Amino acid sequence: MSAITAQQVRAAAKGRVNESNLASVLVALDRFGDRFGMDRPHRLAQYFAQLMHESGDFRYDQEIWGPTPAQQRYDTRTDLGNTPERDGDGHRYRGRTGMQLTGKYNYRQFRDWCRAAGLDCPDFVEDPDAVNTDPWEGLVPLFYWDTRGLNRWADEGDAETITKKINGGKNGLADRFDRLARISLVLLGYRPDNIRQFQADQRIDVDGDVGPKTRAVMHTALVALTPGEAARPEVKAAPVTEEKPVPVPVTPPSLEKPWWQTKEVLTPVLTGGALTSVGTFFEKFGSIPTENLIVLVVAGIAITVGTLLYLRHRDRQKVQAAAKQIGAA
């Protein structure tokens, strides 16, 4: 008996699910999930978050074929096991099932994996359409999960690494995180959007943001649903890092270098109301960055102009005062 129900998956979905495709996934999970360790809520949360992202809530179980220029190139993708000739391999071994099994090599690997597990399966290399029949359609995601060793990362709550193993990068990471939060909340008995209530119950910052700390607490709560699971050394509650823009670090002045050799913008040093001459400055301190020199020159000009304007204004006031005195006499 699977630890997740169709009703829970529907609740966590962002849109209407394809019931037939969902049924295929649940049938395979019910029959074979225990064999591959997929009987624990914290693993299922990670599994369905990835699968629902990849399949668009189970709406797609076969690659939509254009063919696009990229799809045409699949015909000669020898790295996927297809032949170097343009003989239709790209379309024949196009993406199928919710995890988009693609390329002759992967169809062969899936066939061999099934047979190694003692399953009497069709020859998917000869009949690739057979992967979209039960129970094989629902087994392909388990094949991906098992051959990439993703239970290890699910036990650590590491959705980012799982994404890299499945996708080869971080495409759609924000959506995968969001789906992980939704399915986790449902499995924990909450509405899929009631993150604030979960945060309040767990006594963590109630901000409605499913960040690394909140996901770590969710992971711990899911692990606790399986008796004795938290005691296993493989299970950890490590926060997951998020894909955010990295701010440009501000490097403080090095204590090992004099301040005039750093790249910090300098504040002009004034002596007796005037700038130290540039020649003297270079003799004393050596070369300085261009931006610092510009600051010094601009500041010097500004102070000189300001001083001249002040002196002119002061002299004008003196002249006006003397004229008044002469007139008064």
Protein backbone atom coordinates (compact mmCIF):
# COMPACT_ATOMS: atom_id res chain seq x y z
CA MET A 1 0.00 0.00 0.00
CA SER A 2 1.46 3.32 -1.08
CA ALA A 3 2.11 5.99 1.56
CA ILE A 4 0.53 8.59 -0.72
CA THR A 5 -2.94 8.75 -2.26
CA ALA A 6 -4.34 10.14 -5.50
CA GLN A 7 -6.36 12.62 -3.46
CA GLN A 8 -3.20 13.98 -1.83
CA VAL A 9 -1.46 14.34 -5.19
CA ARG A 10 -4.48 16.14 -6.66
CA ALA A 11 -4.51 18.52 -3.70
CA ALA A 12 -0.81 19.33 -4.11
CA ALA A 13 -1.00 19.84 -7.88
CA LYS A 14 -0.98 23.34 -9.32
CA GLY A 15 -3.49 22.42 -12.00
CA ARG A 16 -5.81 19.66 -13.04
CA VAL A 17 -4.01 16.32 -13.29
CA ASN A 18 -4.35 13.71 -16.02
CA GLU A 19 -6.02 10.94 -14.05
CA SER A 20 -4.87 8.14 -16.35
CA ASN A 21 -1.21 9.13 -16.16
CA LEU A 22 -1.43 9.64 -12.39
CA ALA A 23 -3.00 6.20 -12.02
CA SER A 24 -0.09 4.63 -13.89
CA VAL A 25 2.39 6.22 -11.50
CA LEU A 26 0.43 5.14 -8.42
CA VAL A 27 -0.07 1.59 -9.71
CA ALA A 28 3.68 1.12 -10.16
CA LEU A 29 4.40 2.76 -6.84
CA ASP A 30 1.89 0.50 -5.09
CA ARG A 31 3.32 -2.66 -6.68
CA PHE A 32 7.03 -1.90 -6.64
CA GLY A 33 7.61 1.13 -4.43
CA ASP A 34 8.63 -0.84 -1.35
CA ARG A 35 11.27 -2.69 -3.36
CA PHE A 36 13.01 0.60 -4.11
CA GLY A 37 12.54 2.20 -0.71
CA MET A 38 9.71 4.48 -1.83
CA ASP A 39 7.52 3.77 1.18
CA ARG A 40 8.56 6.78 3.27
CA PRO A 41 6.84 10.17 3.14
CA HIS A 42 10.03 12.25 3.04
CA ARG A 43 11.22 10.37 -0.06
CA LEU A 44 7.80 10.49 -1.71
CA ALA A 45 7.64 14.26 -1.23
CA GLN A 46 10.90 14.70 -3.13
CA TYR A 47 9.86 12.14 -5.75
CA PHE A 48 6.49 13.71 -6.55
CA ALA A 49 7.86 17.26 -6.50
CA GLN A 50 10.26 16.30 -9.30
CA LEU A 51 7.78 14.16 -11.22
CA MET A 52 5.00 16.76 -11.11
CA HIS A 53 7.39 19.41 -12.39
CA GLU A 54 8.69 17.21 -15.21
CA SER A 55 5.23 16.07 -16.33
CA GLY A 56 3.27 19.27 -15.72
CA ASP A 57 1.04 17.61 -13.10
CA PHE A 58 0.95 14.37 -15.16
CA ARG A 59 -0.52 16.10 -18.20
CA TYR A 60 2.33 14.94 -20.45
CA ASP A 61 3.55 11.37 -20.87
CA GLN A 62 5.00 11.79 -24.37
CA GLU A 63 7.17 14.42 -26.00
CA ILE A 64 5.22 16.75 -28.27
CA TRP A 65 6.89 16.27 -31.64
CA GLY A 66 7.21 19.12 -34.12
CA PRO A 67 9.75 18.27 -35.13
CA THR A 68 11.67 21.28 -33.90
CA PRO A 69 15.29 21.86 -35.02
CA ALA A 70 16.44 20.50 -31.65
CA GLN A 71 14.30 17.39 -32.08
CA GLN A 72 15.68 16.84 -35.57
CA ARG A 73 19.18 16.75 -34.13
CA TYR A 74 18.14 13.91 -31.81
CA ASP A 75 18.06 11.63 -34.85
CA THR A 76 21.86 11.49 -34.91
CA ARG A 77 22.56 11.80 -31.19
CA THR A 78 24.97 8.89 -30.79
CA ASP A 79 25.55 9.89 -27.15
CA LEU A 80 21.95 8.80 -26.56
CA GLY A 81 22.50 5.54 -28.41
CA ASN A 82 20.83 6.68 -31.62
CA THR A 83 22.51 5.89 -34.95
CA PRO A 84 24.60 8.54 -36.73
CA GLU A 85 22.34 8.23 -39.80
CA ARG A 86 19.13 10.15 -40.29
CA ASP A 87 16.91 7.11 -40.02
CA GLY A 88 14.19 8.23 -37.63
CA ASP A 89 15.76 7.22 -34.29
CA GLY A 90 15.04 10.65 -32.83
CA HIS A 91 11.30 10.25 -33.24
CA ARG A 92 11.29 6.50 -32.54
CA TYR A 93 13.02 6.97 -29.19
CA ARG A 94 11.47 10.32 -28.32
CA GLY A 95 10.68 11.25 -24.74
CA ARG A 96 8.00 9.12 -23.11
CA THR A 97 6.40 8.79 -19.65
CA GLY A 98 6.34 11.51 -17.03
CA MET A 99 10.15 11.48 -16.76
CA GLN A 100 10.68 11.68 -20.54
CA LEU A 101 12.74 8.57 -21.24
CA THR A 102 14.74 9.64 -24.33
CA GLY A 103 17.19 7.93 -26.69
CA LYS A 104 17.80 4.31 -27.64
CA TYR A 105 20.46 3.87 -24.95
CA ASN A 106 18.02 4.83 -22.18
CA TYR A 107 15.30 2.55 -23.54
CA ARG A 108 17.78 -0.31 -23.51
CA GLN A 109 18.94 0.57 -20.01
CA PHE A 110 15.36 0.64 -18.75
CA ARG A 111 14.69 -2.77 -20.29
CA ASP A 112 17.81 -4.25 -18.69
CA TRP A 113 16.99 -2.64 -15.33
CA CYS A 114 13.52 -4.22 -15.35
CA ARG A 115 14.89 -7.64 -16.21
CA ALA A 116 17.59 -7.38 -13.53
CA ALA A 117 14.79 -6.68 -11.05
CA GLY A 118 13.11 -9.91 -12.12
CA LEU A 119 10.33 -8.24 -14.09
CA ASP A 120 9.07 -9.85 -17.28
CA CYS A 121 8.98 -6.75 -19.46
CA PRO A 122 8.70 -6.16 -23.21
CA ASP A 123 11.78 -5.36 -25.28
CA PHE A 124 11.48 -1.57 -25.21
CA VAL A 125 14.21 -1.21 -27.83
CA GLU A 126 12.06 -3.13 -30.31
CA ASP A 127 8.79 -1.64 -29.06
CA PRO A 128 9.44 1.76 -27.49
CA ASP A 129 5.71 2.58 -27.31
CA ALA A 130 5.37 -0.17 -24.72
CA VAL A 131 6.90 2.05 -22.04
CA ASN A 132 3.63 4.00 -21.99
CA THR A 133 1.64 0.95 -20.89
CA ASP A 134 1.10 -0.20 -17.31
CA PRO A 135 2.99 -0.90 -15.15
CA TRP A 136 6.00 0.29 -17.16
CA GLU A 137 4.89 3.91 -17.52
CA GLY A 138 4.91 4.34 -13.77
CA LEU A 139 8.12 2.35 -13.43
CA VAL A 140 10.21 4.72 -15.57
CA PRO A 141 10.28 7.41 -12.84
CA LEU A 142 11.30 4.73 -10.32
CA PHE A 143 14.02 3.64 -12.76
CA TYR A 144 15.37 7.20 -12.87
CA TRP A 145 15.18 7.45 -9.10
CA ASP A 146 16.90 4.15 -8.45
CA THR A 147 19.69 4.34 -11.06
CA ARG A 148 20.70 7.81 -9.89
CA GLY A 149 20.71 6.84 -6.21
CA LEU A 150 18.31 9.64 -5.31
CA ASN A 151 17.10 8.13 -2.04
CA ARG A 152 20.42 9.22 -0.58
CA TRP A 153 19.69 12.87 -1.33
CA ALA A 154 16.04 12.57 -0.39
CA ASP A 155 17.16 11.34 3.04
CA GLU A 156 19.10 14.59 3.38
CA GLY A 157 16.27 16.77 2.14
CA ASP A 158 18.49 17.95 -0.72
CA ALA A 159 16.12 18.88 -3.54
CA GLU A 160 18.81 20.87 -5.30
CA THR A 161 21.11 17.89 -5.82
CA ILE A 162 18.15 15.73 -6.85
CA THR A 163 17.29 18.34 -9.48
CA LYS A 164 20.85 18.27 -10.83
CA LYS A 165 20.83 14.46 -11.02
CA ILE A 166 17.55 14.41 -12.94
CA ASN A 167 17.85 17.55 -15.03
CA GLY A 168 21.60 17.92 -15.42
CA GLY A 169 21.34 21.48 -14.07
CA LYS A 170 19.01 23.67 -12.06
CA ASN A 171 16.27 24.30 -14.60
CA GLY A 172 12.95 24.96 -12.89
CA LEU A 173 14.49 24.85 -9.42
CA ALA A 174 12.09 27.44 -7.97
CA ASP A 175 9.07 25.50 -9.21
CA ARG A 176 10.48 22.23 -7.87
CA PHE A 177 10.98 23.86 -4.47
CA ASP A 178 7.43 25.18 -4.57
CA ARG A 179 6.02 21.77 -5.47
CA LEU A 180 8.09 20.16 -2.73
CA ALA A 181 6.54 22.53 -0.21
CA ARG A 182 3.01 21.86 -1.48
CA ILE A 183 3.24 18.06 -1.41
CA SER A 184 5.06 18.14 1.95
CA LEU A 185 2.32 20.27 3.51
CA VAL A 186 -0.37 17.93 2.20
CA LEU A 187 1.43 14.85 3.54
CA LEU A 188 1.72 16.60 6.90
CA GLY A 189 -2.03 17.31 7.00
CA TYR A 190 -2.06 20.96 5.89
CA ARG A 191 -3.52 22.72 2.89
CA PRO A 192 -0.90 23.02 0.15
CA ASP A 193 -0.79 26.81 0.52
CA ASN A 194 -0.96 27.01 4.31
CA ILE A 195 2.74 27.50 4.92
CA ARG A 196 2.17 30.18 7.56
CA GLN A 197 0.18 27.80 9.76
CA PHE A 198 2.92 25.19 9.48
CA GLN A 199 5.56 27.76 10.42
CA ALA A 200 3.49 28.91 13.39
CA ASP A 201 2.98 25.33 14.60
CA GLN A 202 6.70 24.64 14.30
CA ARG A 203 7.58 27.91 16.06
CA ILE A 204 9.76 29.23 13.29
CA ASP A 205 9.60 32.61 11.54
CA VAL A 206 6.10 33.04 10.12
CA ASP A 207 6.88 34.80 6.86
CA GLY A 208 5.13 32.61 4.29
CA ASP A 209 8.45 31.96 2.53
CA VAL A 210 9.51 28.37 1.96
CA GLY A 211 13.20 29.00 2.40
CA PRO A 212 15.98 26.58 3.39
CA LYS A 213 15.13 26.63 7.10
CA THR A 214 11.45 25.96 6.52
CA ARG A 215 12.23 23.13 4.10
CA ALA A 216 14.60 21.61 6.65
CA VAL A 217 11.85 21.67 9.30
CA MET A 218 9.40 20.15 6.79
CA HIS A 219 11.90 17.41 6.03
CA THR A 220 12.31 16.64 9.74
CA ALA A 221 8.52 16.52 10.20
CA LEU A 222 8.14 14.14 7.25
CA VAL A 223 10.91 11.87 8.53
CA ALA A 224 9.11 11.69 11.89
CA LEU A 225 6.09 10.12 10.18
CA THR A 226 8.11 6.89 9.77
CA PRO A 227 8.85 5.29 13.17
CA GLY A 228 12.57 4.96 13.82
CA GLU A 229 13.54 6.70 10.58
CA ALA A 230 15.22 9.66 12.28
CA ALA A 231 17.64 7.29 14.05
CA ARG A 232 19.17 6.09 10.77
CA PRO A 233 22.58 7.76 10.22
CA GLU A 234 21.78 8.31 6.53
CA VAL A 235 18.87 10.58 7.41
CA LYS A 236 19.86 14.20 7.95
CA ALA A 237 18.00 17.46 8.27
CA ALA A 238 20.36 19.69 6.34
CA PRO A 239 18.88 22.87 4.86
CA VAL A 240 18.89 23.11 1.10
CA THR A 241 20.56 26.03 -0.59
CA GLU A 242 18.48 28.24 -2.87
CA GLU A 243 19.33 29.60 -6.26
CA LYS A 244 19.54 33.32 -5.60
CA PRO A 245 21.57 36.11 -7.19
CA VAL A 246 24.90 36.29 -5.42
CA PRO A 247 25.67 39.86 -4.27
CA VAL A 248 29.01 41.30 -5.31
CA PRO A 249 31.21 41.07 -2.22
CA VAL A 250 32.60 44.28 -0.82
CA THR A 251 36.26 43.67 -0.05
CA PRO A 252 37.42 45.61 3.01
CA PRO A 253 40.82 47.27 2.89
CA SER A 254 43.57 44.79 3.51
CA LEU A 255 45.42 45.21 6.77
CA GLU A 256 48.54 43.95 5.02
CA LYS A 257 48.64 46.86 2.53
CA PRO A 258 48.77 50.59 3.15
CA TRP A 259 45.44 52.26 2.50
CA TRP A 260 46.62 54.07 -0.63
CA GLN A 261 47.24 50.73 -2.40
CA THR A 262 43.67 49.47 -1.92
CA LYS A 263 40.84 49.98 -4.40
CA GLU A 264 38.68 51.80 -1.90
CA VAL A 265 37.64 55.31 -3.01
CA LEU A 266 39.75 57.80 -1.12
CA THR A 267 38.51 60.82 0.75
CA PRO A 268 40.81 63.77 -0.14
CA VAL A 269 43.15 64.82 2.64
CA LEU A 270 43.23 68.61 3.14
CA THR A 271 46.09 70.53 4.66
CA GLY A 272 45.65 74.18 5.57
CA GLY A 273 42.54 74.43 3.40
CA ALA A 274 44.24 73.10 0.25
CA LEU A 275 45.03 69.70 -1.28
CA THR A 276 48.48 68.22 -1.01
CA SER A 277 50.12 68.69 -4.40
CA VAL A 278 49.82 65.75 -6.77
CA GLY A 279 53.59 65.62 -7.21
CA THR A 280 54.21 65.41 -3.49
CA PHE A 281 51.45 62.81 -3.18
CA PHE A 282 53.02 60.54 -5.80
CA GLU A 283 56.47 60.96 -4.31
CA LYS A 284 55.20 59.97 -0.91
CA PHE A 285 52.70 57.27 -1.72
CA GLY A 286 53.55 55.90 -5.17
CA SER A 287 50.99 55.09 -7.88
CA ILE A 288 47.29 55.09 -7.00
CA PRO A 289 44.25 53.79 -8.87
CA THR A 290 42.80 56.10 -11.53
CA GLU A 291 39.42 56.41 -9.81
CA ASN A 292 41.10 57.68 -6.64
CA LEU A 293 43.13 60.25 -8.59
CA ILE A 294 39.95 61.51 -10.25
CA VAL A 295 38.33 61.98 -6.84
CA LEU A 296 41.33 63.98 -5.64
CA VAL A 297 41.42 66.23 -8.73
CA VAL A 298 37.66 66.87 -8.72
CA ALA A 299 37.69 67.62 -5.02
CA GLY A 300 40.65 70.00 -5.49
CA ILE A 301 38.89 71.88 -8.27
CA ALA A 302 35.69 72.13 -6.25
CA ILE A 303 37.50 73.48 -3.20
CA THR A 304 39.52 75.97 -5.28
CA VAL A 305 36.40 77.28 -7.06
CA GLY A 306 34.55 77.47 -3.78
CA THR A 307 37.38 79.40 -2.15
CA LEU A 308 37.59 81.91 -5.04
CA LEU A 309 33.84 82.49 -4.96
CA TYR A 310 33.94 83.01 -1.23
CA LEU A 311 36.82 85.49 -1.46
CA ARG A 312 35.09 87.38 -4.28
CA HIS A 313 31.89 87.56 -2.28
CA ARG A 314 33.77 88.70 0.84
CA ASP A 315 35.63 91.43 -1.09
CA ARG A 316 32.40 92.67 -2.66
CA GLN A 317 30.83 92.94 0.78
CA LYS A 318 33.83 94.98 2.00
CA VAL A 319 33.55 97.37 -0.97
CA GLN A 320 29.83 97.84 -0.40
CA ALA A 321 30.40 98.48 3.32
CA ALA A 322 33.09 101.11 2.56
CA ALA A 323 30.81 102.88 0.05
CA LYS A 324 28.07 103.08 2.63
CA GLN A 325 30.43 104.64 5.13
CA ILE A 326 31.60 107.28 2.57
CA GLY A 327 28.02 108.12 1.71
CA ALA A 328 27.13 108.46 5.33
CA ALA A 329 30.02 110.87 5.87
